[in-house]
Every structure is written in C-alpha cells, then in structure tokens.
Amino acid sequence: MKLLSSTVNTDVLKGALIINEHGAEFRCSGLGLNIAAARMSNQLEIVVQMQEYDGEGELMDGTVEVPLNNLKDWTIQLQNYD
C-alpha cells in the first residue's frame, strides 16, 4: 500500500492486521479512549481495540485494548478494500 500522506483516517485502521514483536496476530476492531488514565495524568490515552488470532487462524472471543504508544515495535498492515 502506498500512503500519499503521513496521516490516515482512523476508519482505515478497522480491520487492519496487527502483528506484535513476538509474531502474534490481531485484527483491529477500533480505537478507544482510556478516560481512567486521563484522571491520573490529565491526558487522554488512545487505545487500539483488537481481537487475537488463535493458533489455527481463528479470531478468539473478546477484545484486548493496548495503548497506542505501546505499539512501537508492532507492524500494522492496512487492508485495501478498493
């Protein structure tokens, strides 16, 4: 995928394949705001909501929320729906 600018609409993240530094794969289901963190630091924390794939390639039940700042060594593959 060729990015034409350094910003993307957050809608394109939904459905993206996310791979952590250990090779575990996740499917992005959305973005959220951690307001509990905001009470402590006076800053909103953006979290990526995702579902993990099991060893057989099936999405597991439930979602995981990971702070966006913690995805430094992860890769995100945006899906092309053209």
Protein backbone atom coordinates (compact mmCIF):
# COMPACT_ATOMS: atom_id res chain seq x y z
CA MET A 1 0.00 0.00 0.00
CA LYS A 2 1.32 3.40 -0.91
CA LEU A 3 0.49 6.19 1.52
CA LEU A 4 0.02 9.60 -0.07
CA SER A 5 0.42 11.48 3.20
CA SER A 6 1.65 10.90 6.73
CA THR A 7 -1.88 10.85 8.14
CA VAL A 8 -4.70 8.38 7.68
CA ASN A 9 -8.35 8.45 8.63
CA THR A 10 -8.93 6.29 11.70
CA ASP A 11 -11.61 4.37 9.78
CA VAL A 12 -8.91 2.63 7.71
CA LEU A 13 -7.48 1.06 10.87
CA LYS A 14 -10.61 -1.01 11.43
CA GLY A 15 -9.88 -4.46 10.04
CA ALA A 16 -6.11 -3.90 9.88
CA LEU A 17 -3.85 -6.84 10.66
CA ILE A 18 -1.62 -6.03 13.64
CA ILE A 19 1.43 -8.17 14.47
CA ASN A 20 3.34 -7.78 17.73
CA GLU A 21 7.10 -8.17 18.17
CA HIS A 22 6.63 -11.88 19.02
CA GLY A 23 4.65 -12.64 15.84
CA ALA A 24 1.19 -12.87 17.44
CA GLU A 25 -1.51 -11.62 15.09
CA PHE A 26 -4.51 -9.46 15.91
CA ARG A 27 -7.36 -7.85 13.95
CA CYS A 28 -8.11 -4.21 14.77
CA SER A 29 -11.74 -3.65 15.72
CA GLY A 30 -11.46 0.05 16.54
CA LEU A 31 -9.93 2.79 18.65
CA GLY A 32 -10.94 3.98 22.09
CA LEU A 33 -10.04 6.48 24.78
CA ASN A 34 -8.92 5.37 28.23
CA ILE A 35 -10.54 8.01 30.41
CA ALA A 36 -9.29 6.35 33.61
CA ALA A 37 -5.72 7.17 32.57
CA ALA A 38 -6.80 10.75 31.89
CA ARG A 39 -7.88 11.21 35.50
CA MET A 40 -4.39 10.29 36.68
CA SER A 41 -2.27 12.12 34.10
CA ASN A 42 -4.65 14.79 32.74
CA GLN A 43 -4.10 13.30 29.26
CA LEU A 44 -6.37 11.02 27.30
CA GLU A 45 -4.80 7.70 26.35
CA ILE A 46 -5.67 6.31 22.92
CA VAL A 47 -6.07 2.52 22.90
CA VAL A 48 -6.29 0.14 19.97
CA GLN A 49 -9.08 -2.41 20.37
CA MET A 50 -8.26 -5.76 18.79
CA GLN A 51 -9.06 -9.45 18.71
CA GLU A 52 -6.29 -12.04 18.82
CA TYR A 53 -5.99 -14.93 16.38
CA ASP A 54 -5.53 -18.41 17.86
CA GLY A 55 -3.02 -20.97 16.59
CA GLU A 56 -5.48 -22.16 13.94
CA GLY A 57 -6.05 -18.72 12.44
CA GLU A 58 -9.47 -18.15 14.01
CA LEU A 59 -10.38 -14.96 15.87
CA MET A 60 -10.69 -15.54 19.61
CA ASP A 61 -13.68 -14.24 21.60
CA GLY A 62 -13.33 -10.91 23.35
CA THR A 63 -11.22 -7.86 22.67
CA VAL A 64 -7.92 -6.62 24.02
CA GLU A 65 -7.09 -2.93 24.44
CA VAL A 66 -3.47 -1.88 24.02
CA PRO A 67 -2.31 1.74 24.40
CA LEU A 68 -1.30 3.14 21.03
CA ASN A 69 2.06 4.23 22.47
CA ASN A 70 2.85 0.57 23.30
CA LEU A 71 2.67 -0.49 19.64
CA LYS A 72 6.12 0.92 18.85
CA ASP A 73 7.64 -2.40 17.69
CA TRP A 74 4.43 -3.79 16.18
CA THR A 75 3.51 -3.77 12.48
CA ILE A 76 0.15 -2.66 11.12
CA GLN A 77 -0.99 -3.86 7.71
CA LEU A 78 -3.87 -1.76 6.42
CA GLN A 79 -6.44 -3.63 4.33
CA ASN A 80 -7.15 -2.43 0.79
CA TYR A 81 -10.87 -2.51 0.04
CA ASP A 82 -10.77 -0.91 -3.45
